Full PDB file with SEQRES, HELIX, SHEET, SSBOND, CRYST1, ORIGX, SCALE, CONECT and MASTER records, all heavy atoms in Angstrom:
SEQRES   1 A   38  LEU ASN LEU ASN LYS THR ILE SER LYS GLU ARG LEU MET          
SEQRES   2 A   38  GLN ASN ILE TRP GLN GLY GLY LEU PHE ILE THR GLU ASN          
SEQRES   3 A   38  ALA LEU ASN VAL ASN LEU SER ARG LEU ARG ASN LYS              
HELIX    1 AA1 LYS A    9  ILE A   16  1                                   8    
HELIX    2 AA2 GLU A   25  ASN A   37  1                                  13    
CRYST1    1.000    1.000    1.000  90.00  90.00  90.00 P 1           1          
ORIGX1      1.000000  0.000000  0.000000        0.00000                         
ORIGX2      0.000000  1.000000  0.000000        0.00000                         
ORIGX3      0.000000  0.000000  1.000000        0.00000                         
SCALE1      1.000000  0.000000  0.000000        0.00000                         
SCALE2      0.000000  1.000000  0.000000        0.00000                         
SCALE3      0.000000  0.000000  1.000000        0.00000                         
ATOM      1  N   LEU A   1     -13.378  -5.142  16.677  1.00  0.00           N  
ATOM      2  CA  LEU A   1     -13.840  -3.740  16.657  1.00  0.00           C  
ATOM      3  C   LEU A   1     -14.897  -3.513  15.579  1.00  0.00           C  
ATOM      4  O   LEU A   1     -15.572  -2.476  15.602  1.00  0.00           O  
ATOM      5  CB  LEU A   1     -12.662  -2.801  16.432  1.00  0.00           C  
ATOM      6  CG  LEU A   1     -11.639  -2.728  17.582  1.00  0.00           C  
ATOM      7  CD1 LEU A   1     -10.483  -1.825  17.211  1.00  0.00           C  
ATOM      8  CD2 LEU A   1     -12.299  -2.268  18.887  1.00  0.00           C  
ATOM      9  N   ASN A   2     -15.030  -4.466  14.679  1.00  0.00           N  
ATOM     10  CA  ASN A   2     -16.052  -4.356  13.637  1.00  0.00           C  
ATOM     11  C   ASN A   2     -16.976  -5.570  13.679  1.00  0.00           C  
ATOM     12  O   ASN A   2     -17.332  -6.143  12.643  1.00  0.00           O  
ATOM     13  CB  ASN A   2     -15.397  -4.257  12.258  1.00  0.00           C  
ATOM     14  CG  ASN A   2     -14.615  -2.966  12.091  1.00  0.00           C  
ATOM     15  OD1 ASN A   2     -15.171  -1.945  11.692  1.00  0.00           O  
ATOM     16  ND2 ASN A   2     -13.338  -3.014  12.381  1.00  0.00           N  
ATOM     17  N   LEU A   3     -17.377  -5.926  14.880  1.00  0.00           N  
ATOM     18  CA  LEU A   3     -18.185  -7.122  15.096  1.00  0.00           C  
ATOM     19  C   LEU A   3     -19.430  -7.129  14.222  1.00  0.00           C  
ATOM     20  O   LEU A   3     -20.119  -6.099  14.095  1.00  0.00           O  
ATOM     21  CB  LEU A   3     -18.578  -7.208  16.581  1.00  0.00           C  
ATOM     22  CG  LEU A   3     -19.209  -8.532  17.043  1.00  0.00           C  
ATOM     23  CD1 LEU A   3     -18.181  -9.659  16.927  1.00  0.00           C  
ATOM     24  CD2 LEU A   3     -19.683  -8.403  18.482  1.00  0.00           C  
ATOM     25  N   ASN A   4     -19.687  -8.292  13.610  1.00  0.00           N  
ATOM     26  CA  ASN A   4     -20.854  -8.509  12.744  1.00  0.00           C  
ATOM     27  C   ASN A   4     -20.821  -7.683  11.452  1.00  0.00           C  
ATOM     28  O   ASN A   4     -21.818  -7.617  10.725  1.00  0.00           O  
ATOM     29  CB  ASN A   4     -22.151  -8.205  13.507  1.00  0.00           C  
ATOM     30  CG  ASN A   4     -22.349  -9.105  14.713  1.00  0.00           C  
ATOM     31  OD1 ASN A   4     -22.032 -10.283  14.651  1.00  0.00           O  
ATOM     32  ND2 ASN A   4     -22.837  -8.551  15.799  1.00  0.00           N  
ATOM     33  N   LYS A   5     -19.668  -7.065  11.152  1.00  0.00           N  
ATOM     34  CA  LYS A   5     -19.511  -6.319   9.915  1.00  0.00           C  
ATOM     35  C   LYS A   5     -18.503  -7.016   9.033  1.00  0.00           C  
ATOM     36  O   LYS A   5     -17.503  -7.549   9.509  1.00  0.00           O  
ATOM     37  CB  LYS A   5     -19.067  -4.894  10.198  1.00  0.00           C  
ATOM     38  CG  LYS A   5     -20.038  -4.064  11.007  1.00  0.00           C  
ATOM     39  CD  LYS A   5     -19.476  -2.674  11.275  1.00  0.00           C  
ATOM     40  CE  LYS A   5     -20.434  -1.840  12.098  1.00  0.00           C  
ATOM     41  NZ  LYS A   5     -19.826  -0.494  12.404  1.00  0.00           N  
ATOM     42  N   THR A   6     -18.701  -6.980   7.725  1.00  0.00           N  
ATOM     43  CA  THR A   6     -17.768  -7.591   6.787  1.00  0.00           C  
ATOM     44  C   THR A   6     -16.575  -6.667   6.558  1.00  0.00           C  
ATOM     45  O   THR A   6     -16.758  -5.478   6.252  1.00  0.00           O  
ATOM     46  CB  THR A   6     -18.453  -7.885   5.451  1.00  0.00           C  
ATOM     47  OG1 THR A   6     -19.549  -8.774   5.663  1.00  0.00           O  
ATOM     48  CG2 THR A   6     -17.459  -8.514   4.451  1.00  0.00           C  
ATOM     49  N   ILE A   7     -15.377  -7.212   6.721  1.00  0.00           N  
ATOM     50  CA  ILE A   7     -14.136  -6.465   6.485  1.00  0.00           C  
ATOM     51  C   ILE A   7     -13.520  -6.977   5.183  1.00  0.00           C  
ATOM     52  O   ILE A   7     -13.301  -8.172   5.034  1.00  0.00           O  
ATOM     53  CB  ILE A   7     -13.151  -6.660   7.655  1.00  0.00           C  
ATOM     54  CG1 ILE A   7     -13.797  -6.244   8.958  1.00  0.00           C  
ATOM     55  CG2 ILE A   7     -11.889  -5.854   7.392  1.00  0.00           C  
ATOM     56  CD1 ILE A   7     -12.949  -6.535  10.180  1.00  0.00           C  
ATOM     57  N   SER A   8     -13.262  -6.100   4.268  1.00  0.00           N  
ATOM     58  CA  SER A   8     -12.717  -6.499   2.983  1.00  0.00           C  
ATOM     59  C   SER A   8     -11.305  -7.022   3.118  1.00  0.00           C  
ATOM     60  O   SER A   8     -10.576  -6.701   4.052  1.00  0.00           O  
ATOM     61  CB  SER A   8     -12.731  -5.316   1.999  1.00  0.00           C  
ATOM     62  OG  SER A   8     -11.768  -4.345   2.403  1.00  0.00           O  
ATOM     63  N   LYS A   9     -10.914  -7.855   2.150  1.00  0.00           N  
ATOM     64  CA  LYS A   9      -9.544  -8.356   2.126  1.00  0.00           C  
ATOM     65  C   LYS A   9      -8.559  -7.209   1.984  1.00  0.00           C  
ATOM     66  O   LYS A   9      -7.467  -7.237   2.599  1.00  0.00           O  
ATOM     67  CB  LYS A   9      -9.376  -9.345   0.977  1.00  0.00           C  
ATOM     68  CG  LYS A   9     -10.088 -10.667   1.151  1.00  0.00           C  
ATOM     69  CD  LYS A   9      -9.740 -11.630   0.032  1.00  0.00           C  
ATOM     70  CE  LYS A   9     -10.379 -13.012   0.283  1.00  0.00           C  
ATOM     71  NZ  LYS A   9      -9.981 -13.974  -0.743  1.00  0.00           N  
ATOM     72  N   GLU A  10      -8.924  -6.209   1.195  1.00  0.00           N  
ATOM     73  CA  GLU A  10      -8.016  -5.081   0.994  1.00  0.00           C  
ATOM     74  C   GLU A  10      -7.755  -4.334   2.317  1.00  0.00           C  
ATOM     75  O   GLU A  10      -6.610  -3.934   2.616  1.00  0.00           O  
ATOM     76  CB  GLU A  10      -8.624  -4.110  -0.014  1.00  0.00           C  
ATOM     77  CG  GLU A  10      -8.688  -4.628  -1.438  1.00  0.00           C  
ATOM     78  CD  GLU A  10      -9.777  -5.662  -1.649  1.00  0.00           C  
ATOM     79  OE1 GLU A  10     -10.708  -5.743  -0.789  1.00  0.00           O  
ATOM     80  OE2 GLU A  10      -9.719  -6.403  -2.638  1.00  0.00           O  
ATOM     81  N   ARG A  11      -8.798  -4.154   3.106  1.00  0.00           N  
ATOM     82  CA  ARG A  11      -8.636  -3.450   4.385  1.00  0.00           C  
ATOM     83  C   ARG A  11      -7.764  -4.281   5.342  1.00  0.00           C  
ATOM     84  O   ARG A  11      -6.926  -3.727   6.054  1.00  0.00           O  
ATOM     85  CB  ARG A  11      -9.983  -3.170   5.017  1.00  0.00           C  
ATOM     86  CG  ARG A  11      -9.894  -2.332   6.300  1.00  0.00           C  
ATOM     87  CD  ARG A  11     -11.262  -2.043   6.844  1.00  0.00           C  
ATOM     88  NE  ARG A  11     -11.145  -1.341   8.135  1.00  0.00           N  
ATOM     89  CZ  ARG A  11     -12.166  -1.107   8.942  1.00  0.00           C  
ATOM     90  NH1 ARG A  11     -13.406  -1.511   8.573  1.00  0.00           N  
ATOM     91  NH2 ARG A  11     -12.010  -0.479  10.073  1.00  0.00           N  
ATOM     92  N   LEU A  12      -7.996  -5.586   5.375  1.00  0.00           N  
ATOM     93  CA  LEU A  12      -7.180  -6.456   6.229  1.00  0.00           C  
ATOM     94  C   LEU A  12      -5.721  -6.392   5.827  1.00  0.00           C  
ATOM     95  O   LEU A  12      -4.835  -6.247   6.687  1.00  0.00           O  
ATOM     96  CB  LEU A  12      -7.684  -7.898   6.125  1.00  0.00           C  
ATOM     97  CG  LEU A  12      -8.895  -8.266   6.994  1.00  0.00           C  
ATOM     98  CD1 LEU A  12      -9.472  -9.604   6.566  1.00  0.00           C  
ATOM     99  CD2 LEU A  12      -8.509  -8.334   8.478  1.00  0.00           C  
ATOM    100  N   MET A  13      -5.448  -6.501   4.537  1.00  0.00           N  
ATOM    101  CA  MET A  13      -4.061  -6.469   4.067  1.00  0.00           C  
ATOM    102  C   MET A  13      -3.401  -5.137   4.362  1.00  0.00           C  
ATOM    103  O   MET A  13      -2.213  -5.084   4.738  1.00  0.00           O  
ATOM    104  CB  MET A  13      -4.014  -6.802   2.574  1.00  0.00           C  
ATOM    105  CG  MET A  13      -4.328  -8.253   2.275  1.00  0.00           C  
ATOM    106  SD  MET A  13      -4.025  -8.770   0.563  1.00  0.00           S  
ATOM    107  CE  MET A  13      -5.372  -7.959  -0.276  1.00  0.00           C  
ATOM    108  N   GLN A  14      -4.151  -4.051   4.233  1.00  0.00           N  
ATOM    109  CA  GLN A  14      -3.578  -2.734   4.494  1.00  0.00           C  
ATOM    110  C   GLN A  14      -3.220  -2.579   5.959  1.00  0.00           C  
ATOM    111  O   GLN A  14      -2.203  -1.999   6.331  1.00  0.00           O  
ATOM    112  CB  GLN A  14      -4.593  -1.636   4.084  1.00  0.00           C  
ATOM    113  CG  GLN A  14      -4.063  -0.206   4.321  1.00  0.00           C  
ATOM    114  CD  GLN A  14      -2.774   0.086   3.574  1.00  0.00           C  
ATOM    115  OE1 GLN A  14      -2.606  -0.394   2.464  1.00  0.00           O  
ATOM    116  NE2 GLN A  14      -1.873   0.846   4.181  1.00  0.00           N  
ATOM    117  N   ASN A  15      -4.053  -3.131   6.843  1.00  0.00           N  
ATOM    118  CA  ASN A  15      -3.790  -3.056   8.278  1.00  0.00           C  
ATOM    119  C   ASN A  15      -2.642  -3.959   8.701  1.00  0.00           C  
ATOM    120  O   ASN A  15      -1.868  -3.601   9.592  1.00  0.00           O  
ATOM    121  CB  ASN A  15      -5.047  -3.446   9.073  1.00  0.00           C  
ATOM    122  CG  ASN A  15      -5.988  -2.257   9.286  1.00  0.00           C  
ATOM    123  OD1 ASN A  15      -5.933  -1.608  10.304  1.00  0.00           O  
ATOM    124  ND2 ASN A  15      -6.814  -2.003   8.288  1.00  0.00           N  
ATOM    125  N   ILE A  16      -2.526  -5.092   8.080  1.00  0.00           N  
ATOM    126  CA  ILE A  16      -1.474  -6.059   8.452  1.00  0.00           C  
ATOM    127  C   ILE A  16      -0.127  -5.592   7.902  1.00  0.00           C  
ATOM    128  O   ILE A  16       0.871  -5.507   8.628  1.00  0.00           O  
ATOM    129  CB  ILE A  16      -1.792  -7.459   7.932  1.00  0.00           C  
ATOM    130  CG1 ILE A  16      -3.074  -7.995   8.603  1.00  0.00           C  
ATOM    131  CG2 ILE A  16      -0.646  -8.407   8.233  1.00  0.00           C  
ATOM    132  CD1 ILE A  16      -3.633  -9.237   7.944  1.00  0.00           C  
ATOM    133  N   TRP A  17      -0.049  -5.318   6.596  1.00  0.00           N  
ATOM    134  CA  TRP A  17       1.217  -4.935   5.968  1.00  0.00           C  
ATOM    135  C   TRP A  17       1.136  -3.475   5.553  1.00  0.00           C  
ATOM    136  O   TRP A  17       0.869  -3.162   4.384  1.00  0.00           O  
ATOM    137  CB  TRP A  17       1.497  -5.853   4.784  1.00  0.00           C  
ATOM    138  CG  TRP A  17       1.689  -7.242   5.238  1.00  0.00           C  
ATOM    139  CD1 TRP A  17       2.757  -7.767   5.929  1.00  0.00           C  
ATOM    140  CD2 TRP A  17       0.788  -8.365   5.040  1.00  0.00           C  
ATOM    141  NE1 TRP A  17       2.545  -9.083   6.196  1.00  0.00           N  
ATOM    142  CE2 TRP A  17       1.362  -9.484   5.672  1.00  0.00           C  
ATOM    143  CE3 TRP A  17      -0.437  -8.476   4.419  1.00  0.00           C  
ATOM    144  CZ2 TRP A  17       0.744 -10.745   5.666  1.00  0.00           C  
ATOM    145  CZ3 TRP A  17      -1.065  -9.717   4.420  1.00  0.00           C  
ATOM    146  CH2 TRP A  17      -0.474 -10.834   5.039  1.00  0.00           C  
ATOM    147  N   GLN A  18       1.363  -2.602   6.488  1.00  0.00           N  
ATOM    148  CA  GLN A  18       1.157  -1.170   6.279  1.00  0.00           C  
ATOM    149  C   GLN A  18       2.063  -0.621   5.166  1.00  0.00           C  
ATOM    150  O   GLN A  18       1.709   0.348   4.507  1.00  0.00           O  
ATOM    151  CB  GLN A  18       1.434  -0.408   7.578  1.00  0.00           C  
ATOM    152  CG  GLN A  18       0.443  -0.766   8.664  1.00  0.00           C  
ATOM    153  CD  GLN A  18       0.741  -0.098   9.982  1.00  0.00           C  
ATOM    154  OE1 GLN A  18       1.514   0.869  10.033  1.00  0.00           O  
ATOM    155  NE2 GLN A  18       0.186  -0.609  11.066  1.00  0.00           N  
ATOM    156  N   GLY A  19       3.231  -1.234   4.987  1.00  0.00           N  
ATOM    157  CA  GLY A  19       4.143  -0.739   3.968  1.00  0.00           C  
ATOM    158  C   GLY A  19       3.755  -1.172   2.570  1.00  0.00           C  
ATOM    159  O   GLY A  19       4.319  -0.672   1.595  1.00  0.00           O  
ATOM    160  N   GLY A  20       2.827  -2.118   2.479  1.00  0.00           N  
ATOM    161  CA  GLY A  20       2.378  -2.574   1.153  1.00  0.00           C  
ATOM    162  C   GLY A  20       3.433  -3.380   0.405  1.00  0.00           C  
ATOM    163  O   GLY A  20       3.376  -3.533  -0.795  1.00  0.00           O  
ATOM    164  N   LEU A  21       4.422  -3.918   1.138  1.00  0.00           N  
ATOM    165  CA  LEU A  21       5.511  -4.614   0.466  1.00  0.00           C  
ATOM    166  C   LEU A  21       5.350  -6.119   0.405  1.00  0.00           C  
ATOM    167  O   LEU A  21       6.090  -6.805  -0.259  1.00  0.00           O  
ATOM    168  CB  LEU A  21       6.829  -4.288   1.214  1.00  0.00           C  
ATOM    169  CG  LEU A  21       7.199  -2.803   1.195  1.00  0.00           C  
ATOM    170  CD1 LEU A  21       8.344  -2.548   2.164  1.00  0.00           C  
ATOM    171  CD2 LEU A  21       7.581  -2.386  -0.203  1.00  0.00           C  
ATOM    172  N   PHE A  22       4.381  -6.638   1.138  1.00  0.00           N  
ATOM    173  CA  PHE A  22       4.194  -8.086   1.154  1.00  0.00           C  
ATOM    174  C   PHE A  22       2.693  -8.361   1.180  1.00  0.00           C  
ATOM    175  O   PHE A  22       2.144  -8.860   2.140  1.00  0.00           O  
ATOM    176  CB  PHE A  22       4.900  -8.707   2.352  1.00  0.00           C  
ATOM    177  CG  PHE A  22       4.874 -10.210   2.348  1.00  0.00           C  
ATOM    178  CD1 PHE A  22       5.406 -10.926   1.309  1.00  0.00           C  
ATOM    179  CD2 PHE A  22       4.277 -10.906   3.389  1.00  0.00           C  
ATOM    180  CE1 PHE A  22       5.396 -12.303   1.304  1.00  0.00           C  
ATOM    181  CE2 PHE A  22       4.263 -12.291   3.379  1.00  0.00           C  
ATOM    182  CZ  PHE A  22       4.816 -12.995   2.343  1.00  0.00           C  
ATOM    183  N   ILE A  23       2.027  -7.946   0.121  1.00  0.00           N  
ATOM    184  CA  ILE A  23       0.572  -8.050   0.115  1.00  0.00           C  
ATOM    185  C   ILE A  23       0.138  -8.984  -0.991  1.00  0.00           C  
ATOM    186  O   ILE A  23       0.203  -8.670  -2.176  1.00  0.00           O  
ATOM    187  CB  ILE A  23      -0.069  -6.650  -0.101  1.00  0.00           C  
ATOM    188  CG1 ILE A  23       0.366  -5.704   1.010  1.00  0.00           C  
ATOM    189  CG2 ILE A  23      -1.578  -6.761  -0.159  1.00  0.00           C  
ATOM    190  CD1 ILE A  23      -0.162  -4.293   0.840  1.00  0.00           C  
ATOM    191  N   THR A  24      -0.306 -10.166  -0.614  1.00  0.00           N  
ATOM    192  CA  THR A  24      -0.875 -11.106  -1.563  1.00  0.00           C  
ATOM    193  C   THR A  24      -2.057 -11.765  -0.869  1.00  0.00           C  
ATOM    194  O   THR A  24      -2.084 -11.952   0.342  1.00  0.00           O  
ATOM    195  CB  THR A  24       0.107 -12.219  -1.978  1.00  0.00           C  
ATOM    196  OG1 THR A  24       0.377 -13.054  -0.842  1.00  0.00           O  
ATOM    197  CG2 THR A  24       1.419 -11.625  -2.481  1.00  0.00           C  
ATOM    198  N   GLU A  25      -3.075 -12.103  -1.645  1.00  0.00           N  
ATOM    199  CA  GLU A  25      -4.223 -12.773  -1.072  1.00  0.00           C  
ATOM    200  C   GLU A  25      -3.855 -14.127  -0.511  1.00  0.00           C  
ATOM    201  O   GLU A  25      -4.425 -14.597   0.460  1.00  0.00           O  
ATOM    202  CB  GLU A  25      -5.342 -12.907  -2.122  1.00  0.00           C  
ATOM    203  CG  GLU A  25      -6.112 -11.639  -2.380  1.00  0.00           C  
ATOM    204  CD  GLU A  25      -7.449 -11.892  -3.017  1.00  0.00           C  
ATOM    205  OE1 GLU A  25      -7.959 -13.026  -2.969  1.00  0.00           O  
ATOM    206  OE2 GLU A  25      -7.991 -10.927  -3.574  1.00  0.00           O  
ATOM    207  N   ASN A  26      -2.866 -14.777  -1.133  1.00  0.00           N  
ATOM    208  CA  ASN A  26      -2.407 -16.075  -0.661  1.00  0.00           C  
ATOM    209  C   ASN A  26      -1.882 -15.966   0.780  1.00  0.00           C  
ATOM    210  O   ASN A  26      -2.219 -16.758   1.648  1.00  0.00           O  
ATOM    211  CB  ASN A  26      -1.343 -16.635  -1.581  1.00  0.00           C  
ATOM    212  CG  ASN A  26      -1.158 -18.138  -1.412  1.00  0.00           C  
ATOM    213  OD1 ASN A  26      -2.054 -18.820  -0.918  1.00  0.00           O  
ATOM    214  ND2 ASN A  26      -0.019 -18.643  -1.803  1.00  0.00           N  
ATOM    215  N   ALA A  27      -1.056 -14.952   1.037  1.00  0.00           N  
ATOM    216  CA  ALA A  27      -0.518 -14.733   2.359  1.00  0.00           C  
ATOM    217  C   ALA A  27      -1.634 -14.432   3.368  1.00  0.00           C  
ATOM    218  O   ALA A  27      -1.625 -14.916   4.499  1.00  0.00           O  
ATOM    219  CB  ALA A  27       0.485 -13.573   2.354  1.00  0.00           C  
ATOM    220  N   LEU A  28      -2.599 -13.624   2.949  1.00  0.00           N  
ATOM    221  CA  LEU A  28      -3.731 -13.302   3.830  1.00  0.00           C  
ATOM    222  C   LEU A  28      -4.537 -14.535   4.142  1.00  0.00           C  
ATOM    223  O   LEU A  28      -4.912 -14.773   5.310  1.00  0.00           O  
ATOM    224  CB  LEU A  28      -4.630 -12.257   3.146  1.00  0.00           C  
ATOM    225  CG  LEU A  28      -5.915 -11.892   3.923  1.00  0.00           C  
ATOM    226  CD1 LEU A  28      -5.562 -11.173   5.221  1.00  0.00           C  
ATOM    227  CD2 LEU A  28      -6.812 -10.998   3.074  1.00  0.00           C  
ATOM    228  N   ASN A  29      -4.796 -15.375   3.129  1.00  0.00           N  
ATOM    229  CA  ASN A  29      -5.566 -16.573   3.348  1.00  0.00           C  
ATOM    230  C   ASN A  29      -4.876 -17.536   4.303  1.00  0.00           C  
ATOM    231  O   ASN A  29      -5.547 -18.189   5.154  1.00  0.00           O  
ATOM    232  CB  ASN A  29      -5.811 -17.310   2.017  1.00  0.00           C  
ATOM    233  CG  ASN A  29      -6.725 -16.511   1.099  1.00  0.00           C  
ATOM    234  OD1 ASN A  29      -7.501 -15.646   1.559  1.00  0.00           O  
ATOM    235  ND2 ASN A  29      -6.639 -16.737  -0.201  1.00  0.00           N  
ATOM    236  N   VAL A  30      -3.561 -17.647   4.229  1.00  0.00           N  
ATOM    237  CA  VAL A  30      -2.816 -18.517   5.151  1.00  0.00           C  
ATOM    238  C   VAL A  30      -2.938 -17.994   6.564  1.00  0.00           C  
ATOM    239  O   VAL A  30      -3.171 -18.767   7.521  1.00  0.00           O  
ATOM    240  CB  VAL A  30      -1.338 -18.630   4.725  1.00  0.00           C  
ATOM    241  CG1 VAL A  30      -0.534 -19.366   5.798  1.00  0.00           C  
ATOM    242  CG2 VAL A  30      -1.208 -19.364   3.406  1.00  0.00           C  
ATOM    243  N   ASN A  31      -2.790 -16.679   6.728  1.00  0.00           N  
ATOM    244  CA  ASN A  31      -2.911 -16.089   8.069  1.00  0.00           C  
ATOM    245  C   ASN A  31      -4.311 -16.311   8.646  1.00  0.00           C  
ATOM    246  O   ASN A  31      -4.454 -16.612   9.837  1.00  0.00           O  
ATOM    247  CB  ASN A  31      -2.610 -14.577   7.996  1.00  0.00           C  
ATOM    248  CG  ASN A  31      -1.152 -14.292   8.172  1.00  0.00           C  
ATOM    249  OD1 ASN A  31      -0.602 -14.387   9.259  1.00  0.00           O  
ATOM    250  ND2 ASN A  31      -0.496 -13.916   7.089  1.00  0.00           N  
ATOM    251  N   LEU A  32      -5.335 -16.126   7.838  1.00  0.00           N  
ATOM    252  CA  LEU A  32      -6.692 -16.307   8.323  1.00  0.00           C  
ATOM    253  C   LEU A  32      -6.996 -17.758   8.643  1.00  0.00           C  
ATOM    254  O   LEU A  32      -7.698 -18.048   9.603  1.00  0.00           O  
ATOM    255  CB  LEU A  32      -7.685 -15.773   7.284  1.00  0.00           C  
ATOM    256  CG  LEU A  32      -7.897 -14.260   7.373  1.00  0.00           C  
ATOM    257  CD1 LEU A  32      -8.400 -13.686   6.059  1.00  0.00           C  
ATOM    258  CD2 LEU A  32      -8.830 -13.928   8.518  1.00  0.00           C  
ATOM    259  N   SER A  33      -6.423 -18.676   7.870  1.00  0.00           N  
ATOM    260  CA  SER A  33      -6.592 -20.090   8.156  1.00  0.00           C  
ATOM    261  C   SER A  33      -5.950 -20.438   9.503  1.00  0.00           C  
ATOM    262  O   SER A  33      -6.529 -21.189  10.299  1.00  0.00           O  
ATOM    263  CB  SER A  33      -5.976 -20.926   7.029  1.00  0.00           C  
ATOM    264  OG  SER A  33      -6.034 -22.304   7.335  1.00  0.00           O  
ATOM    265  N   ARG A  34      -4.770 -19.869   9.749  1.00  0.00           N  
ATOM    266  CA  ARG A  34      -4.089 -20.105  11.004  1.00  0.00           C  
ATOM    267  C   ARG A  34      -4.857 -19.501  12.172  1.00  0.00           C  
ATOM    268  O   ARG A  34      -5.013 -20.112  13.238  1.00  0.00           O  
ATOM    269  CB  ARG A  34      -2.685 -19.481  10.954  1.00  0.00           C  
ATOM    270  CG  ARG A  34      -1.735 -19.901  12.055  1.00  0.00           C  
ATOM    271  CD  ARG A  34      -0.362 -19.322  11.795  1.00  0.00           C  
ATOM    272  NE  ARG A  34      -0.405 -17.870  11.798  1.00  0.00           N  
ATOM    273  CZ  ARG A  34       0.621 -17.092  11.415  1.00  0.00           C  
ATOM    274  NH1 ARG A  34       1.721 -17.675  10.933  1.00  0.00           N  
ATOM    275  NH2 ARG A  34       0.545 -15.788  11.450  1.00  0.00           N  
ATOM    276  N   LEU A  35      -5.428 -18.296  11.973  1.00  0.00           N  
ATOM    277  CA  LEU A  35      -6.227 -17.664  13.003  1.00  0.00           C  
ATOM    278  C   LEU A  35      -7.470 -18.475  13.272  1.00  0.00           C  
ATOM    279  O   LEU A  35      -7.859 -18.704  14.440  1.00  0.00           O  
ATOM    280  CB  LEU A  35      -6.629 -16.251  12.582  1.00  0.00           C  
ATOM    281  CG  LEU A  35      -7.593 -15.494  13.517  1.00  0.00           C  
ATOM    282  CD1 LEU A  35      -6.961 -15.334  14.896  1.00  0.00           C  
ATOM    283  CD2 LEU A  35      -7.962 -14.152  12.918  1.00  0.00           C  
ATOM    284  N   ARG A  36      -8.116 -18.961  12.231  1.00  0.00           N  
ATOM    285  CA  ARG A  36      -9.349 -19.751  12.384  1.00  0.00           C  
ATOM    286  C   ARG A  36      -9.081 -21.004  13.234  1.00  0.00           C  
ATOM    287  O   ARG A  36      -9.892 -21.384  14.090  1.00  0.00           O  
ATOM    288  CB  ARG A  36      -9.883 -20.164  11.018  1.00  0.00           C  
ATOM    289  CG  ARG A  36     -11.359 -20.610  11.039  1.00  0.00           C  
ATOM    290  CD  ARG A  36     -11.742 -21.125   9.664  1.00  0.00           C  
ATOM    291  NE  ARG A  36     -11.652 -20.126   8.625  1.00  0.00           N  
ATOM    292  CZ  ARG A  36     -12.622 -19.251   8.351  1.00  0.00           C  
ATOM    293  NH1 ARG A  36     -13.726 -19.234   9.042  1.00  0.00           N  
ATOM    294  NH2 ARG A  36     -12.452 -18.388   7.351  1.00  0.00           N  
ATOM    295  N   ASN A  37      -7.944 -21.652  13.010  1.00  0.00           N  
ATOM    296  CA  ASN A  37      -7.591 -22.848  13.803  1.00  0.00           C  
ATOM    297  C   ASN A  37      -7.414 -22.495  15.280  1.00  0.00           C  
ATOM    298  O   ASN A  37      -7.818 -23.263  16.173  1.00  0.00           O  
ATOM    299  CB  ASN A  37      -6.319 -23.489  13.253  1.00  0.00           C  
ATOM    300  CG  ASN A  37      -6.541 -24.172  11.921  1.00  0.00           C  
ATOM    301  OD1 ASN A  37      -7.658 -24.582  11.598  1.00  0.00           O  
ATOM    302  ND2 ASN A  37      -5.497 -24.284  11.123  1.00  0.00           N  
ATOM    303  N   LYS A  38      -6.804 -21.338  15.564  1.00  0.00           N  
ATOM    304  CA  LYS A  38      -6.623 -20.926  16.940  1.00  0.00           C  
ATOM    305  C   LYS A  38      -7.950 -20.542  17.588  1.00  0.00           C  
ATOM    306  O   LYS A  38      -8.142 -20.732  18.794  1.00  0.00           O  
ATOM    307  CB  LYS A  38      -5.621 -19.762  17.021  1.00  0.00           C  
ATOM    308  CG  LYS A  38      -4.197 -20.185  16.709  1.00  0.00           C  
ATOM    309  CD  LYS A  38      -3.203 -19.080  17.015  1.00  0.00           C  
ATOM    310  CE  LYS A  38      -1.768 -19.546  16.750  1.00  0.00           C  
ATOM    311  NZ  LYS A  38      -0.771 -18.494  17.033  1.00  0.00           N  
TER     312      LYS A  38                                                      
MASTER        0    0    0    2    0    0    0    6  311    1    0    3          
END                                                                             
C-alpha cells in the first residue's frame, strides 16, 4: 500500500504489535528476514 515509499521501523512495529507489548527491533528484523526469504 506504500509502494516505493520508505516505511519506518517504528511504523512497522506499531502495525504488527498494536498493543506495544512485544516490540523490539530484533523481533522485527527476524520477521523481515523471514518475509524476504519468502
